[in-house]
C-alpha atoms as a PDB file:
ATOM      1  CA  UNK A   1      60.168  96.359  63.699  1.00  0.00           C
ATOM      2  CA  UNK A   2      61.651  99.591  65.266  1.00  0.00           C
ATOM      3  CA  UNK A   3      59.197 100.128  67.632  1.00  0.00           C
ATOM      4  CA  UNK A   4      61.073 101.601  70.673  1.00  0.00           C
ATOM      5  CA  UNK A   5      58.263  99.854  73.082  1.00  0.00           C
ATOM      6  CA  UNK A   6      59.117  96.443  71.268  1.00  0.00           C
ATOM      7  CA  UNK A   7      62.761  96.526  71.528  1.00  0.00           C
ATOM      8  CA  UNK A   8      63.163  93.442  73.866  1.00  0.00           C
ATOM      9  CA  UNK A   9      62.953  90.244  71.347  1.00  0.00           C
ATOM     10  CA  UNK A  10      60.655  88.608  73.501  1.00  0.00           C
ATOM     11  CA  UNK A  11      57.970  91.312  73.262  1.00  0.00           C
ATOM     12  CA  UNK A  12      58.489  91.480  69.669  1.00  0.00           C
ATOM     13  CA  UNK A  13      58.302  87.316  69.417  1.00  0.00           C
ATOM     14  CA  UNK A  14      54.813  87.739  71.103  1.00  0.00           C
ATOM     15  CA  UNK A  15      53.581  90.838  69.367  1.00  0.00           C
ATOM     16  CA  UNK A  16      54.051  89.144  66.098  1.00  0.00           C
ATOM     17  CA  UNK A  17      52.578  85.359  67.173  1.00  0.00           C
ATOM     18  CA  UNK A  18      49.396  87.997  68.269  1.00  0.00           C
ATOM     19  CA  UNK A  19      49.260  89.692  64.891  1.00  0.00           C
ATOM     20  CA  UNK A  20      49.615  86.630  62.737  1.00  0.00           C
ATOM     21  CA  UNK A  21      47.444  84.118  65.181  1.00  0.00           C
ATOM     22  CA  UNK A  22      44.123  87.661  66.042  1.00  0.00           C
ATOM     23  CA  UNK A  23      42.487  86.250  68.789  1.00  0.00           C
ATOM     24  CA  UNK A  24      44.943  83.754  70.023  1.00  0.00           C
ATOM     25  CA  UNK A  25      44.481  82.873  73.635  1.00  0.00           C
ATOM     26  CA  UNK A  26      47.109  82.742  76.504  1.00  0.00           C
ATOM     27  CA  UNK A  27      48.014  79.138  76.852  1.00  0.00           C
ATOM     28  CA  UNK A  28      48.500  78.406  73.598  1.00  0.00           C
ATOM     29  CA  UNK A  29      50.930  81.219  73.445  1.00  0.00           C
ATOM     30  CA  UNK A  30      52.021  79.391  76.657  1.00  0.00           C
ATOM     31  CA  UNK A  31      52.718  76.399  74.678  1.00  0.00           C
ATOM     32  CA  UNK A  32      53.748  78.214  70.549  1.00  0.00           C
ATOM     33  CA  UNK A  33      56.572  80.418  72.470  1.00  0.00           C
ATOM     34  CA  UNK A  34      57.731  78.163  75.599  1.00  0.00           C
ATOM     35  CA  UNK A  35      57.937  81.166  77.653  1.00  0.00           C
ATOM     36  CA  UNK A  36      57.964  81.106  81.192  1.00  0.00           C
ATOM     37  CA  UNK A  37      53.604  81.310  82.851  1.00  0.00           C
ATOM     38  CA  UNK A  38      54.708  84.553  84.796  1.00  0.00           C
ATOM     39  CA  UNK A  39      57.136  85.908  81.813  1.00  0.00           C
ATOM     40  CA  UNK A  40      54.639  85.544  79.292  1.00  0.00           C
ATOM     41  CA  UNK A  41      51.933  87.389  81.926  1.00  0.00           C
ATOM     42  CA  UNK A  42      54.540  90.120  82.295  1.00  0.00           C
ATOM     43  CA  UNK A  43      54.343  90.971  78.646  1.00  0.00           C
ATOM     44  CA  UNK A  44      51.392  90.924  77.650  1.00  0.00           C
ATOM     45  CA  UNK A  45      50.124  93.273  80.555  1.00  0.00           C
ATOM     46  CA  UNK A  46      53.203  95.887  79.526  1.00  0.00           C
ATOM     47  CA  UNK A  47      51.617  95.337  75.950  1.00  0.00           C
ATOM     48  CA  UNK A  48      48.505  95.602  77.074  1.00  0.00           C
ATOM     49  CA  UNK A  49      48.856  98.718  79.199  1.00  0.00           C
ATOM     50  CA  UNK A  50      50.779 100.469  76.437  1.00  0.00           C
ATOM     51  CA  UNK A  51      47.656 100.136  73.996  1.00  0.00           C
ATOM     52  CA  UNK A  52      49.626  97.722  71.958  1.00  0.00           C
ATOM     53  CA  UNK A  53      47.421  94.779  72.149  1.00  0.00           C
ATOM     54  CA  UNK A  54      44.092  94.980  73.407  1.00  0.00           C
ATOM     55  CA  UNK A  55      42.720  92.357  75.883  1.00  0.00           C
ATOM     56  CA  UNK A  56      39.100  89.954  75.220  1.00  0.00           C
ATOM     57  CA  UNK A  57      37.571  88.126  77.130  1.00  0.00           C
ATOM     58  CA  UNK A  58      35.449  85.462  75.594  1.00  0.00           C
ATOM     59  CA  UNK A  59      33.846  83.682  78.436  1.00  0.00           C
ATOM     60  CA  UNK A  60      35.927  81.021  78.001  1.00  0.00           C
ATOM     61  CA  UNK A  61      39.552  82.318  77.240  1.00  0.00           C
ATOM     62  CA  UNK A  62      40.936  86.017  77.029  1.00  0.00           C
ATOM     63  CA  UNK A  63      42.162  86.614  73.879  1.00  0.00           C
ATOM     64  CA  UNK A  64      44.783  89.083  72.777  1.00  0.00           C
ATOM     65  CA  UNK A  65      44.577  91.047  69.610  1.00  0.00           C
ATOM     66  CA  UNK A  66      46.688  93.940  67.525  1.00  0.00           C
ATOM     67  CA  UNK A  67      45.589  96.951  69.044  1.00  0.00           C
ATOM     68  CA  UNK A  68      45.153  99.143  66.347  1.00  0.00           C
ATOM     69  CA  UNK A  69      43.865  96.598  63.904  1.00  0.00           C
ATOM     70  CA  UNK A  70      41.155  95.192  65.472  1.00  0.00           C
ATOM     71  CA  UNK A  71      37.985  96.748  67.125  1.00  0.00           C
ATOM     72  CA  UNK A  72      34.839  95.957  69.540  1.00  0.00           C
ATOM     73  CA  UNK A  73      33.186  94.117  66.607  1.00  0.00           C
ATOM     74  CA  UNK A  74      35.601  92.779  64.970  1.00  0.00           C
ATOM     75  CA  UNK A  75      36.995  90.837  68.404  1.00  0.00           C
ATOM     76  CA  UNK A  76      33.731  89.082  68.616  1.00  0.00           C
ATOM     77  CA  UNK A  77      33.538  87.640  65.108  1.00  0.00           C
ATOM     78  CA  UNK A  78      36.945  86.719  65.594  1.00  0.00           C
ATOM     79  CA  UNK A  79      36.566  85.257  69.077  1.00  0.00           C
ATOM     80  CA  UNK A  80      33.779  82.719  67.451  1.00  0.00           C
ATOM     81  CA  UNK A  81      35.849  81.600  65.019  1.00  0.00           C
ATOM     82  CA  UNK A  82      38.376  80.703  67.720  1.00  0.00           C
ATOM     83  CA  UNK A  83      35.836  78.183  69.069  1.00  0.00           C
ATOM     84  CA  UNK A  84      35.688  75.128  66.722  1.00  0.00           C
ATOM     85  CA  UNK A  85      32.026  74.544  67.230  1.00  0.00           C
ATOM     86  CA  UNK A  86      30.697  78.589  66.894  1.00  0.00           C
ATOM     87  CA  UNK A  87      33.285  78.548  63.748  1.00  0.00           C
ATOM     88  CA  UNK A  88      31.271  75.875  62.312  1.00  0.00           C
ATOM     89  CA  UNK A  89      27.752  77.050  62.710  1.00  0.00           C
ATOM     90  CA  UNK A  90      28.829  79.778  61.784  1.00  0.00           C
ATOM     91  CA  UNK A  91      30.118  78.385  58.512  1.00  0.00           C
ATOM     92  CA  UNK A  92      26.849  76.537  58.151  1.00  0.00           C
ATOM     93  CA  UNK A  93      24.843  79.497  58.702  1.00  0.00           C
ATOM     94  CA  UNK A  94      26.813  81.308  56.196  1.00  0.00           C
ATOM     95  CA  UNK A  95      26.373  77.987  53.516  1.00  0.00           C
ATOM     96  CA  UNK A  96      22.904  76.931  53.904  1.00  0.00           C
ATOM     97  CA  UNK A  97      21.004  79.447  56.149  1.00  0.00           C
ATOM     98  CA  UNK A  98      18.855  80.177  58.058  1.00  0.00           C
ATOM     99  CA  UNK A  99      19.185  76.849  60.134  1.00  0.00           C
ATOM    100  CA  UNK A 100      17.239  75.673  63.526  1.00  0.00           C
ATOM    101  CA  UNK A 101      19.043  74.260  66.442  1.00  0.00           C
ATOM    102  CA  UNK A 102      18.034  70.893  64.947  1.00  0.00           C
ATOM    103  CA  UNK A 103      19.425  71.565  61.954  1.00  0.00           C
ATOM    104  CA  UNK A 104      22.696  72.903  62.440  1.00  0.00           C
ATOM    105  CA  UNK A 105      22.214  69.627  65.523  1.00  0.00           C
ATOM    106  CA  UNK A 106      22.062  67.206  62.912  1.00  0.00           C
ATOM    107  CA  UNK A 107      24.665  69.126  60.577  1.00  0.00           C
ATOM    108  CA  UNK A 108      27.741  68.846  63.264  1.00  0.00           C
ATOM    109  CA  UNK A 109      26.545  65.620  64.647  1.00  0.00           C
ATOM    110  CA  UNK A 110      26.079  67.754  68.170  1.00  0.00           C
ATOM    111  CA  UNK A 111      23.359  67.567  70.675  1.00  0.00           C
ATOM    112  CA  UNK A 112      20.835  70.075  70.437  1.00  0.00           C
ATOM    113  CA  UNK A 113      21.479  71.325  73.702  1.00  0.00           C
ATOM    114  CA  UNK A 114      25.291  71.924  72.823  1.00  0.00           C
ATOM    115  CA  UNK A 115      24.228  73.990  69.594  1.00  0.00           C
ATOM    116  CA  UNK A 116      21.791  76.070  71.563  1.00  0.00           C
ATOM    117  CA  UNK A 117      24.606  77.470  73.832  1.00  0.00           C
ATOM    118  CA  UNK A 118      26.743  77.954  71.136  1.00  0.00           C
ATOM    119  CA  UNK A 119      23.837  79.777  69.128  1.00  0.00           C
ATOM    120  CA  UNK A 120      23.541  82.129  72.516  1.00  0.00           C
ATOM    121  CA  UNK A 121      26.866  82.803  72.888  1.00  0.00           C
ATOM    122  CA  UNK A 122      26.550  83.893  69.533  1.00  0.00           C
ATOM    123  CA  UNK A 123      23.586  85.783  70.056  1.00  0.00           C
ATOM    124  CA  UNK A 124      24.669  87.558  72.999  1.00  0.00           C
ATOM    125  CA  UNK A 125      27.600  88.369  70.592  1.00  0.00           C
ATOM    126  CA  UNK A 126      25.534  89.967  67.916  1.00  0.00           C
ATOM    127  CA  UNK A 127      26.787  87.246  65.688  1.00  0.00           C
ATOM    128  CA  UNK A 128      23.720  85.865  64.888  1.00  0.00           C
ATOM    129  CA  UNK A 129      20.231  87.057  65.049  1.00  0.00           C
ATOM    130  CA  UNK A 130      17.069  84.369  65.689  1.00  0.00           C
ATOM    131  CA  UNK A 131      13.766  84.975  64.498  1.00  0.00           C
ATOM    132  CA  UNK A 132      10.617  82.604  65.096  1.00  0.00           C
ATOM    133  CA  UNK A 133       9.623  80.354  62.078  1.00  0.00           C
ATOM    134  CA  UNK A 134       6.413  78.711  63.521  1.00  0.00           C
ATOM    135  CA  UNK A 135       7.102  76.501  66.068  1.00  0.00           C
ATOM    136  CA  UNK A 136      11.104  76.462  65.625  1.00  0.00           C
ATOM    137  CA  UNK A 137      13.788  79.232  65.893  1.00  0.00           C
ATOM    138  CA  UNK A 138      15.749  79.790  62.652  1.00  0.00           C
ATOM    139  CA  UNK A 139      18.958  81.872  63.630  1.00  0.00           C
ATOM    140  CA  UNK A 140      20.916  83.549  60.561  1.00  0.00           C
ATOM    141  CA  UNK A 141      24.740  85.537  60.487  1.00  0.00           C
ATOM    142  CA  UNK A 142      24.201  88.862  61.205  1.00  0.00           C
ATOM    143  CA  UNK A 143      26.723  90.690  59.178  1.00  0.00           C
ATOM    144  CA  UNK A 144      27.515  87.849  56.803  1.00  0.00           C
ATOM    145  CA  UNK A 145      30.143  89.544  54.636  1.00  0.00           C
ATOM    146  CA  UNK A 146      32.599  90.973  57.774  1.00  0.00           C
ATOM    147  CA  UNK A 147      32.005  87.051  59.049  1.00  0.00           C
ATOM    148  CA  UNK A 148      33.168  85.584  55.951  1.00  0.00           C
ATOM    149  CA  UNK A 149      35.945  88.096  55.170  1.00  0.00           C
ATOM    150  CA  UNK A 150      37.844  87.705  58.996  1.00  0.00           C
ATOM    151  CA  UNK A 151      37.282  84.050  57.858  1.00  0.00           C
ATOM    152  CA  UNK A 152      39.149  84.655  54.746  1.00  0.00           C
ATOM    153  CA  UNK A 153      42.051  86.658  56.096  1.00  0.00           C
ATOM    154  CA  UNK A 154      42.773  84.219  58.752  1.00  0.00           C
ATOM    155  CA  UNK A 155      41.774  80.887  57.741  1.00  0.00           C
ATOM    156  CA  UNK A 156      45.445  79.650  58.089  1.00  0.00           C
ATOM    157  CA  UNK A 157      45.572  80.401  61.830  1.00  0.00           C
ATOM    158  CA  UNK A 158      42.413  78.000  62.128  1.00  0.00           C
ATOM    159  CA  UNK A 159      43.074  74.181  61.847  1.00  0.00           C
ATOM    160  CA  UNK A 160      39.078  73.378  60.119  1.00  0.00           C
ATOM    161  CA  UNK A 161      39.218  72.240  56.901  1.00  0.00           C
ATOM    162  CA  UNK A 162      35.109  71.429  57.739  1.00  0.00           C
ATOM    163  CA  UNK A 163      34.583  74.857  57.356  1.00  0.00           C
ATOM    164  CA  UNK A 164      36.701  74.775  54.059  1.00  0.00           C
ATOM    165  CA  UNK A 165      35.270  72.655  52.595  1.00  0.00           C
ATOM    166  CA  UNK A 166      31.682  74.132  54.137  1.00  0.00           C
ATOM    167  CA  UNK A 167      31.732  77.646  52.895  1.00  0.00           C
ATOM    168  CA  UNK A 168      33.993  76.510  49.715  1.00  0.00           C
ATOM    169  CA  UNK A 169      36.934  78.519  50.440  1.00  0.00           C
ATOM    170  CA  UNK A 170      39.323  75.750  50.159  1.00  0.00           C
ATOM    171  CA  UNK A 171      39.377  76.324  46.120  1.00  0.00           C
ATOM    172  CA  UNK A 172      40.259  79.420  46.245  1.00  0.00           C
ATOM    173  CA  UNK A 173      43.288  78.666  48.532  1.00  0.00           C
END
């Protein structure tokens, strides 16, 4: 990269990690790159101030994206895909949806309250829609093609073979 903004090897390394793992959060960068916390914070702030990276808060983590490559909607999808159970919920909805909270809870072997929390976060981000079906509510992925595309492109950065099996994408590896 000959960009004068990325002359420092440390900034190049940080940016490259973000480009390779869009949606990576601060703690993962700290663990993977082994910079001092203050050094990493300084460079991330500089990269964000220069418009080279975008910062996204998913409610639990601050996540980082290459600025030119990810719009708001794609950042929301990637934020969800970076959370294990949100990723699995999306996978089941893509493969078998629409599904109710109970059906998802059974597939994930998680409490309905946990599944509900993730579904509410996915709904807030406009990644799933919900519709009443009799006495239950069923969920469906809002833009399945986009979710599947982003998962497929970045699946190597997700360490979740369960989702690969659910989506049947592993065969195309």
